[in-house]
Structures are given as C-alpha cells and as structure tokens.
C-alpha cells in the first residue's frame, strides 16, 4: 500500500489541529508548557493530559487506572502470528 503526499499532508494537519485543541501547541504551532510535559510521556496526548490534570486535582490513582486501560491494546484482538502458533501447538 502506498501513501500519497496528499494523505501525509492531511494527516499532519489533523494531528497539528488535535495538538492545538489539547493545548500542546499555541497558535503559531510552538510547543507550550503543557506540550513539553506531554512530549515526555509515553502515551497519546489525550491520556497524557488526563494524567497531568489528575495530579493537579489530586485524583491520580483512579485516573492512572483509566489511562492504563485506554492505552492497552484490545485483549480480544487476535493476531495472525498467535493464530499460527496455536495451530502448530
């Protein structure tokens, strides 16, 4: 599958808009204070902002549980590799 230049540009614009809505980028597309903290977290910006704000509002433990569930892959997702492994065994 090939990706066209138009698709890449469209995806980039959507990502920049998403980061601006989260407050990670300012109007001139520079990284904000919040964005610099979000860049250090190994999760998507929405979950990262949720975790950062939960520490401000003193409800970190339940939000960490929710963020962990949201960032984990679907437990019912079956890959082709695991299907082949089960057929061999």
PDB file of N, CA and C in Angstrom:
ATOM      1  N   UNK A   1       0.840  -1.176   0.000  1.00  0.00           N
ATOM      2  CA  UNK A   1       0.000   0.000   0.000  1.00  0.00           C
ATOM      3  C   UNK A   1       0.886   1.240   0.000  1.00  0.00           C
ATOM      4  N   UNK A   2       0.649   2.120  -0.921  1.00  0.00           N
ATOM      5  CA  UNK A   2       1.435   3.342  -0.995  1.00  0.00           C
ATOM      6  C   UNK A   2       0.644   4.494  -0.393  1.00  0.00           C
ATOM      7  N   UNK A   3       1.361   5.438   0.174  1.00  0.00           N
ATOM      8  CA  UNK A   3       0.740   6.608   0.764  1.00  0.00           C
ATOM      9  C   UNK A   3       1.087   7.815  -0.093  1.00  0.00           C
ATOM     10  N   UNK A   4       0.067   8.557  -0.476  1.00  0.00           N
ATOM     11  CA  UNK A   4       0.315   9.720  -1.316  1.00  0.00           C
ATOM     12  C   UNK A   4       0.738  10.909  -0.458  1.00  0.00           C
ATOM     13  N   UNK A   5       1.325  11.875  -1.110  1.00  0.00           N
ATOM     14  CA  UNK A   5       1.753  13.101  -0.433  1.00  0.00           C
ATOM     15  C   UNK A   5       0.549  13.817   0.169  1.00  0.00           C
ATOM     16  N   UNK A   6      -0.587  13.788  -0.521  1.00  0.00           N
ATOM     17  CA  UNK A   6      -1.800  14.440  -0.025  1.00  0.00           C
ATOM     18  C   UNK A   6      -2.263  13.804   1.275  1.00  0.00           C
ATOM     19  N   UNK A   7      -2.214  12.465   1.356  1.00  0.00           N
ATOM     20  CA  UNK A   7      -2.617  11.776   2.579  1.00  0.00           C
ATOM     21  C   UNK A   7      -1.720  12.146   3.748  1.00  0.00           C
ATOM     22  N   UNK A   8      -0.416  12.230   3.509  1.00  0.00           N
ATOM     23  CA  UNK A   8       0.530  12.584   4.563  1.00  0.00           C
ATOM     24  C   UNK A   8       0.276  14.005   5.042  1.00  0.00           C
ATOM     25  N   UNK A   9       0.051  14.930   4.122  1.00  0.00           N
ATOM     26  CA  UNK A   9      -0.219  16.321   4.490  1.00  0.00           C
ATOM     27  C   UNK A   9      -1.529  16.442   5.259  1.00  0.00           C
ATOM     28  N   UNK A  10      -2.550  15.720   4.831  1.00  0.00           N
ATOM     29  CA  UNK A  10      -3.836  15.757   5.519  1.00  0.00           C
ATOM     30  C   UNK A  10      -3.701  15.205   6.927  1.00  0.00           C
ATOM     31  N   UNK A  11      -2.994  14.102   7.090  1.00  0.00           N
ATOM     32  CA  UNK A  11      -2.786  13.528   8.412  1.00  0.00           C
ATOM     33  C   UNK A  11      -2.004  14.476   9.311  1.00  0.00           C
ATOM     34  N   UNK A  12      -1.022  15.153   8.763  1.00  0.00           N
ATOM     35  CA  UNK A  12      -0.223  16.097   9.534  1.00  0.00           C
ATOM     36  C   UNK A  12      -1.078  17.269  10.006  1.00  0.00           C
ATOM     37  N   UNK A  13      -1.927  17.782   9.142  1.00  0.00           N
ATOM     38  CA  UNK A  13      -2.811  18.892   9.513  1.00  0.00           C
ATOM     39  C   UNK A  13      -3.774  18.461  10.607  1.00  0.00           C
ATOM     40  N   UNK A  14      -4.303  17.262  10.516  1.00  0.00           N
ATOM     41  CA  UNK A  14      -5.220  16.749  11.534  1.00  0.00           C
ATOM     42  C   UNK A  14      -4.497  16.599  12.865  1.00  0.00           C
ATOM     43  N   UNK A  15      -3.277  16.091  12.850  1.00  0.00           N
ATOM     44  CA  UNK A  15      -2.515  15.933  14.086  1.00  0.00           C
ATOM     45  C   UNK A  15      -2.186  17.276  14.726  1.00  0.00           C
ATOM     46  N   UNK A  16      -1.810  18.245  13.922  1.00  0.00           N
ATOM     47  CA  UNK A  16      -1.499  19.572  14.453  1.00  0.00           C
ATOM     48  C   UNK A  16      -2.747  20.207  15.052  1.00  0.00           C
ATOM     49  N   UNK A  17      -3.893  20.059  14.387  1.00  0.00           N
ATOM     50  CA  UNK A  17      -5.138  20.590  14.931  1.00  0.00           C
ATOM     51  C   UNK A  17      -5.499  19.924  16.259  1.00  0.00           C
ATOM     52  N   UNK A  18      -5.280  18.623  16.331  1.00  0.00           N
ATOM     53  CA  UNK A  18      -5.550  17.882  17.563  1.00  0.00           C
ATOM     54  C   UNK A  18      -4.657  18.378  18.700  1.00  0.00           C
ATOM     55  N   UNK A  19      -3.386  18.588  18.413  1.00  0.00           N
ATOM     56  CA  UNK A  19      -2.464  19.077  19.441  1.00  0.00           C
ATOM     57  C   UNK A  19      -2.791  20.509  19.854  1.00  0.00           C
ATOM     58  N   UNK A  20      -3.267  21.323  18.927  1.00  0.00           N
ATOM     59  CA  UNK A  20      -3.684  22.686  19.280  1.00  0.00           C
ATOM     60  C   UNK A  20      -4.917  22.652  20.178  1.00  0.00           C
ATOM     61  N   UNK A  21      -5.862  21.763  19.880  1.00  0.00           N
ATOM     62  CA  UNK A  21      -7.051  21.640  20.720  1.00  0.00           C
ATOM     63  C   UNK A  21      -6.711  21.153  22.126  1.00  0.00           C
ATOM     64  N   UNK A  22      -5.700  20.319  22.245  1.00  0.00           N
ATOM     65  CA  UNK A  22      -5.278  19.827  23.554  1.00  0.00           C
ATOM     66  C   UNK A  22      -4.503  20.872  24.340  1.00  0.00           C
ATOM     67  N   UNK A  23      -4.029  21.904  23.674  1.00  0.00           N
ATOM     68  CA  UNK A  23      -3.234  22.931  24.335  1.00  0.00           C
ATOM     69  C   UNK A  23      -1.745  22.638  24.313  1.00  0.00           C
ATOM     70  N   UNK A  24      -1.337  21.645  23.524  1.00  0.00           N
ATOM     71  CA  UNK A  24       0.083  21.286  23.436  1.00  0.00           C
ATOM     72  C   UNK A  24       0.841  22.211  22.495  1.00  0.00           C
ATOM     73  N   UNK A  25       0.135  22.839  21.554  1.00  0.00           N
ATOM     74  CA  UNK A  25       0.731  23.799  20.634  1.00  0.00           C
ATOM     75  C   UNK A  25      -0.034  25.111  20.725  1.00  0.00           C
ATOM     76  N   UNK A  26       0.675  26.224  20.559  1.00  0.00           N
ATOM     77  CA  UNK A  26      -0.004  27.513  20.558  1.00  0.00           C
ATOM     78  C   UNK A  26      -0.454  27.854  19.134  1.00  0.00           C
ATOM     79  N   UNK A  27      -0.940  29.068  18.937  1.00  0.00           N
ATOM     80  CA  UNK A  27      -1.459  29.469  17.620  1.00  0.00           C
ATOM     81  C   UNK A  27      -0.387  29.481  16.542  1.00  0.00           C
ATOM     82  N   UNK A  28       0.858  29.660  16.937  1.00  0.00           N
ATOM     83  CA  UNK A  28       1.965  29.665  15.976  1.00  0.00           C
ATOM     84  C   UNK A  28       2.628  28.295  15.871  1.00  0.00           C
ATOM     85  N   UNK A  29       1.965  27.265  16.403  1.00  0.00           N
ATOM     86  CA  UNK A  29       2.405  25.867  16.369  1.00  0.00           C
ATOM     87  C   UNK A  29       3.738  25.646  17.082  1.00  0.00           C
ATOM     88  N   UNK A  30       3.958  26.413  18.151  1.00  0.00           N
ATOM     89  CA  UNK A  30       5.114  26.191  19.014  1.00  0.00           C
ATOM     90  C   UNK A  30       4.662  25.393  20.222  1.00  0.00           C
ATOM     91  N   UNK A  31       5.568  24.606  20.749  1.00  0.00           N
ATOM     92  CA  UNK A  31       5.267  23.757  21.899  1.00  0.00           C
ATOM     93  C   UNK A  31       5.017  24.616  23.132  1.00  0.00           C
ATOM     94  N   UNK A  32       3.919  24.336  23.826  1.00  0.00           N
ATOM     95  CA  UNK A  32       3.596  25.065  25.049  1.00  0.00           C
ATOM     96  C   UNK A  32       4.204  24.347  26.248  1.00  0.00           C
ATOM     97  N   UNK A  33       4.009  24.936  27.425  1.00  0.00           N
ATOM     98  CA  UNK A  33       4.493  24.317  28.661  1.00  0.00           C
ATOM     99  C   UNK A  33       3.827  22.953  28.855  1.00  0.00           C
ATOM    100  N   UNK A  34       2.519  22.896  28.618  1.00  0.00           N
ATOM    101  CA  UNK A  34       1.802  21.625  28.702  1.00  0.00           C
ATOM    102  C   UNK A  34       2.320  20.645  27.658  1.00  0.00           C
ATOM    103  N   UNK A  35       2.574  21.132  26.448  1.00  0.00           N
ATOM    104  CA  UNK A  35       3.074  20.282  25.374  1.00  0.00           C
ATOM    105  C   UNK A  35       4.432  19.682  25.675  1.00  0.00           C
ATOM    106  N   UNK A  36       5.287  20.444  26.374  1.00  0.00           N
ATOM    107  CA  UNK A  36       6.603  19.897  26.714  1.00  0.00           C
ATOM    108  C   UNK A  36       6.486  18.763  27.723  1.00  0.00           C
ATOM    109  N   UNK A  37       5.523  18.856  28.628  1.00  0.00           N
ATOM    110  CA  UNK A  37       5.291  17.746  29.563  1.00  0.00           C
ATOM    111  C   UNK A  37       4.645  16.553  28.861  1.00  0.00           C
ATOM    112  N   UNK A  38       3.722  16.819  27.955  1.00  0.00           N
ATOM    113  CA  UNK A  38       3.079  15.733  27.212  1.00  0.00           C
ATOM    114  C   UNK A  38       4.071  14.997  26.322  1.00  0.00           C
ATOM    115  N   UNK A  39       5.060  15.702  25.814  1.00  0.00           N
ATOM    116  CA  UNK A  39       6.059  15.080  24.934  1.00  0.00           C
ATOM    117  C   UNK A  39       6.921  14.076  25.687  1.00  0.00           C
ATOM    118  N   UNK A  40       7.039  14.236  26.988  1.00  0.00           N
ATOM    119  CA  UNK A  40       7.858  13.313  27.783  1.00  0.00           C
ATOM    120  C   UNK A  40       7.109  12.041  28.187  1.00  0.00           C
ATOM    121  N   UNK A  41       5.799  12.051  28.067  1.00  0.00           N
ATOM    122  CA  UNK A  41       5.009  10.893  28.491  1.00  0.00           C
ATOM    123  C   UNK A  41       4.869   9.889  27.348  1.00  0.00           C
ATOM    124  N   UNK A  42       5.004   8.601  27.648  1.00  0.00           N
ATOM    125  CA  UNK A  42       4.910   7.582  26.589  1.00  0.00           C
ATOM    126  C   UNK A  42       3.466   7.163  26.317  1.00  0.00           C
ATOM    127  N   UNK A  43       2.605   8.141  26.045  1.00  0.00           N
ATOM    128  CA  UNK A  43       1.196   7.851  25.762  1.00  0.00           C
ATOM    129  C   UNK A  43       0.651   8.939  24.846  1.00  0.00           C
ATOM    130  N   UNK A  44      -0.553   8.718  24.343  1.00  0.00           N
ATOM    131  CA  UNK A  44      -1.135   9.708  23.447  1.00  0.00           C
ATOM    132  C   UNK A  44      -1.464  10.985  24.220  1.00  0.00           C
ATOM    133  N   UNK A  45      -1.587  12.112  23.527  1.00  0.00           N
ATOM    134  CA  UNK A  45      -1.769  13.389  24.213  1.00  0.00           C
ATOM    135  C   UNK A  45      -3.028  13.473  25.080  1.00  0.00           C
ATOM    136  N   UNK A  46      -4.108  12.822  24.662  1.00  0.00           N
ATOM    137  CA  UNK A  46      -5.337  12.888  25.445  1.00  0.00           C
ATOM    138  C   UNK A  46      -5.155  12.218  26.803  1.00  0.00           C
ATOM    139  N   UNK A  47      -4.589  11.022  26.811  1.00  0.00           N
ATOM    140  CA  UNK A  47      -4.344  10.329  28.084  1.00  0.00           C
ATOM    141  C   UNK A  47      -3.292  11.058  28.910  1.00  0.00           C
ATOM    142  N   UNK A  48      -2.297  11.605  28.261  1.00  0.00           N
ATOM    143  CA  UNK A  48      -1.258  12.335  28.972  1.00  0.00           C
ATOM    144  C   UNK A  48      -1.807  13.565  29.670  1.00  0.00           C
ATOM    145  N   UNK A  49      -2.672  14.295  28.988  1.00  0.00           N
ATOM    146  CA  UNK A  49      -3.282  15.477  29.602  1.00  0.00           C
ATOM    147  C   UNK A  49      -4.180  15.065  30.759  1.00  0.00           C
ATOM    148  N   UNK A  50      -4.881  13.959  30.604  1.00  0.00           N
ATOM    149  CA  UNK A  50      -5.733  13.464  31.676  1.00  0.00           C
ATOM    150  C   UNK A  50      -4.902  13.119  32.909  1.00  0.00           C
ATOM    151  N   UNK A  51      -3.756  12.480  32.717  1.00  0.00           N
ATOM    152  CA  UNK A  51      -2.888  12.105  33.836  1.00  0.00           C
ATOM    153  C   UNK A  51      -2.293  13.349  34.495  1.00  0.00           C
ATOM    154  N   UNK A  52      -1.827  14.295  33.689  1.00  0.00           N
ATOM    155  CA  UNK A  52      -1.247  15.515  34.260  1.00  0.00           C
ATOM    156  C   UNK A  52      -2.278  16.312  35.059  1.00  0.00           C
ATOM    157  N   UNK A  53      -3.475  16.458  34.524  1.00  0.00           N
ATOM    158  CA  UNK A  53      -4.501  17.206  35.245  1.00  0.00           C
ATOM    159  C   UNK A  53      -5.007  16.465  36.471  1.00  0.00           C
ATOM    160  N   UNK A  54      -4.963  15.149  36.441  1.00  0.00           N
ATOM    161  CA  UNK A  54      -5.396  14.400  37.628  1.00  0.00           C
ATOM    162  C   UNK A  54      -4.445  14.612  38.794  1.00  0.00           C
ATOM    163  N   UNK A  55      -3.185  14.842  38.508  1.00  0.00           N
ATOM    164  CA  UNK A  55      -2.252  15.129  39.598  1.00  0.00           C
ATOM    165  C   UNK A  55      -2.530  16.511  40.190  1.00  0.00           C
ATOM    166  N   UNK A  56      -2.978  17.442  39.367  1.00  0.00           N
ATOM    167  CA  UNK A  56      -3.336  18.773  39.863  1.00  0.00           C
ATOM    168  C   UNK A  56      -4.578  18.693  40.754  1.00  0.00           C
ATOM    169  N   UNK A  57      -5.543  17.872  40.363  1.00  0.00           N
ATOM    170  CA  UNK A  57      -6.802  17.772  41.100  1.00  0.00           C
ATOM    171  C   UNK A  57      -6.805  16.663  42.148  1.00  0.00           C
ATOM    172  N   UNK A  58      -5.650  16.078  42.434  1.00  0.00           N
ATOM    173  CA  UNK A  58      -5.470  15.060  43.488  1.00  0.00           C
ATOM    174  C   UNK A  58      -6.367  13.836  43.315  1.00  0.00           C
ATOM    175  N   UNK A  59      -6.458  13.356  42.105  1.00  0.00           N
ATOM    176  CA  UNK A  59      -7.199  12.113  41.851  1.00  0.00           C
ATOM    177  C   UNK A  59      -6.384  11.226  40.908  1.00  0.00           C
ATOM    178  N   UNK A  60      -5.093  11.118  41.190  1.00  0.00           N
ATOM    179  CA  UNK A  60      -4.170  10.455  40.278  1.00  0.00           C
ATOM    180  C   UNK A  60      -4.416   8.952  40.162  1.00  0.00           C
ATOM    181  N   UNK A  61      -4.651   8.273  41.294  1.00  0.00           N
ATOM    182  CA  UNK A  61      -4.744   6.801  41.253  1.00  0.00           C
ATOM    183  C   UNK A  61      -5.868   6.285  40.359  1.00  0.00           C
ATOM    184  N   UNK A  62      -7.105   6.761  40.495  1.00  0.00           N
ATOM    185  CA  UNK A  62      -8.142   6.224  39.585  1.00  0.00           C
ATOM    186  C   UNK A  62      -7.906   6.595  38.120  1.00  0.00           C
ATOM    187  N   UNK A  63      -7.348   7.772  37.886  1.00  0.00           N
ATOM    188  CA  UNK A  63      -7.104   8.195  36.504  1.00  0.00           C
ATOM    189  C   UNK A  63      -5.976   7.379  35.880  1.00  0.00           C
ATOM    190  N   UNK A  64      -4.985   6.995  36.676  1.00  0.00           N
ATOM    191  CA  UNK A  64      -3.928   6.121  36.149  1.00  0.00           C
ATOM    192  C   UNK A  64      -4.496   4.776  35.719  1.00  0.00           C
ATOM    193  N   UNK A  65      -5.460   4.267  36.458  1.00  0.00           N
ATOM    194  CA  UNK A  65      -6.105   3.007  36.072  1.00  0.00           C
ATOM    195  C   UNK A  65      -6.840   3.156  34.744  1.00  0.00           C
ATOM    196  N   UNK A  66      -7.560   4.259  34.598  1.00  0.00           N
ATOM    197  CA  UNK A  66      -8.285   4.504  33.347  1.00  0.00           C
ATOM    198  C   UNK A  66      -7.314   4.687  32.188  1.00  0.00           C
ATOM    199  N   UNK A  67      -6.244   5.454  32.407  1.00  0.00           N
ATOM    200  CA  UNK A  67      -5.256   5.687  31.352  1.00  0.00           C
ATOM    201  C   UNK A  67      -4.573   4.389  30.940  1.00  0.00           C
ATOM    202  N   UNK A  68      -4.301   3.519  31.914  1.00  0.00           N
ATOM    203  CA  UNK A  68      -3.686   2.232  31.591  1.00  0.00           C
ATOM    204  C   UNK A  68      -4.623   1.382  30.745  1.00  0.00           C
ATOM    205  N   UNK A  69      -5.907   1.388  31.071  1.00  0.00           N
ATOM    206  CA  UNK A  69      -6.878   0.627  30.280  1.00  0.00           C
ATOM    207  C   UNK A  69      -7.023   1.191  28.875  1.00  0.00           C
ATOM    208  N   UNK A  70      -6.991   2.511  28.748  1.00  0.00           N
ATOM    209  CA  UNK A  70      -7.140   3.131  27.430  1.00  0.00           C
ATOM    210  C   UNK A  70      -5.917   2.936  26.546  1.00  0.00           C
ATOM    211  N   UNK A  71      -4.745   2.849  27.144  1.00  0.00           N
ATOM    212  CA  UNK A  71      -3.533   2.732  26.333  1.00  0.00           C
ATOM    213  C   UNK A  71      -3.150   1.293  26.035  1.00  0.00           C
ATOM    214  N   UNK A  72      -3.828   0.325  26.644  1.00  0.00           N
ATOM    215  CA  UNK A  72      -3.535  -1.083  26.400  1.00  0.00           C
ATOM    216  C   UNK A  72      -4.318  -1.551  25.191  1.00  0.00           C
ATOM    217  N   UNK A  73      -3.729  -2.448  24.432  1.00  0.00           N
ATOM    218  CA  UNK A  73      -4.424  -2.946  23.238  1.00  0.00           C
ATOM    219  C   UNK A  73      -5.608  -3.817  23.645  1.00  0.00           C
ATOM    220  N   UNK A  74      -6.493  -4.034  22.717  1.00  0.00           N
ATOM    221  CA  UNK A  74      -7.706  -4.808  22.959  1.00  0.00           C
ATOM    222  C   UNK A  74      -7.347  -6.241  23.326  1.00  0.00           C
ATOM    223  N   UNK A  75      -7.827  -6.760  24.479  1.00  0.00           N
ATOM    224  CA  UNK A  75      -7.463  -8.118  24.880  1.00  0.00           C
ATOM    225  C   UNK A  75      -8.086  -9.192  23.984  1.00  0.00           C
ATOM    226  N   UNK A  76      -9.098  -8.838  23.208  1.00  0.00           N
ATOM    227  CA  UNK A  76      -9.756  -9.812  22.351  1.00  0.00           C
ATOM    228  C   UNK A  76      -9.242  -9.785  20.922  1.00  0.00           C
ATOM    229  N   UNK A  77      -8.219  -8.981  20.673  1.00  0.00           N
ATOM    230  CA  UNK A  77      -7.627  -8.872  19.350  1.00  0.00           C
ATOM    231  C   UNK A  77      -6.719 -10.074  19.127  1.00  0.00           C
ATOM    232  N   UNK A  78      -6.944 -10.800  18.043  1.00  0.00           N
ATOM    233  CA  UNK A  78      -6.153 -11.988  17.732  1.00  0.00           C
ATOM    234  C   UNK A  78      -5.289 -11.687  16.518  1.00  0.00           C
ATOM    235  N   UNK A  79      -4.002 -11.824  16.689  1.00  0.00           N
ATOM    236  CA  UNK A  79      -3.089 -11.571  15.579  1.00  0.00           C
ATOM    237  C   UNK A  79      -2.913 -12.832  14.750  1.00  0.00           C
ATOM    238  N   UNK A  80      -2.404 -12.657  13.560  1.00  0.00           N
ATOM    239  CA  UNK A  80      -2.154 -13.786  12.669  1.00  0.00           C
ATOM    240  C   UNK A  80      -1.057 -14.679  13.241  1.00  0.00           C
ATOM    241  N   UNK A  81      -0.060 -14.082  13.904  1.00  0.00           N
ATOM    242  CA  UNK A  81       1.046 -14.858  14.471  1.00  0.00           C
ATOM    243  C   UNK A  81       0.536 -15.765  15.574  1.00  0.00           C
ATOM    244  N   UNK A  82      -0.322 -15.251  16.461  1.00  0.00           N
ATOM    245  CA  UNK A  82      -0.823 -16.089  17.544  1.00  0.00           C
ATOM    246  C   UNK A  82      -1.745 -17.181  17.026  1.00  0.00           C
ATOM    247  N   UNK A  83      -2.466 -16.925  15.940  1.00  0.00           N
ATOM    248  CA  UNK A  83      -3.318 -17.943  15.327  1.00  0.00           C
ATOM    249  C   UNK A  83      -2.459 -19.073  14.754  1.00  0.00           C
ATOM    250  N   UNK A  84      -1.384 -18.719  14.078  1.00  0.00           N
ATOM    251  CA  UNK A  84      -0.486 -19.741  13.526  1.00  0.00           C
ATOM    252  C   UNK A  84       0.186 -20.542  14.635  1.00  0.00           C
ATOM    253  N   UNK A  85       0.571 -19.865  15.719  1.00  0.00           N
ATOM    254  CA  UNK A  85       1.220 -20.548  16.848  1.00  0.00           C
ATOM    255  C   UNK A  85       0.256 -21.547  17.468  1.00  0.00           C
ATOM    256  N   UNK A  86      -0.992 -21.168  17.627  1.00  0.00           N
ATOM    257  CA  UNK A  86      -1.983 -22.085  18.217  1.00  0.00           C
ATOM    258  C   UNK A  86      -2.279 -23.264  17.303  1.00  0.00           C
ATOM    259  N   UNK A  87      -2.216 -23.073  16.006  1.00  0.00           N
ATOM    260  CA  UNK A  87      -2.455 -24.167  15.056  1.00  0.00           C
ATOM    261  C   UNK A  87      -1.292 -25.162  15.061  1.00  0.00           C
ATOM    262  N   UNK A  88      -0.075 -24.670  15.328  1.00  0.00           N
ATOM    263  CA  UNK A  88       1.091 -25.557  15.359  1.00  0.00           C
ATOM    264  C   UNK A  88       1.085 -26.381  16.636  1.00  0.00           C
ATOM    265  N   UNK A  89       0.723 -25.790  17.733  1.00  0.00           N
ATOM    266  CA  UNK A  89       0.772 -26.460  19.049  1.00  0.00           C
ATOM    267  C   UNK A  89      -0.255 -27.524  19.220  1.00  0.00           C
TER     268      UNK A  89
END
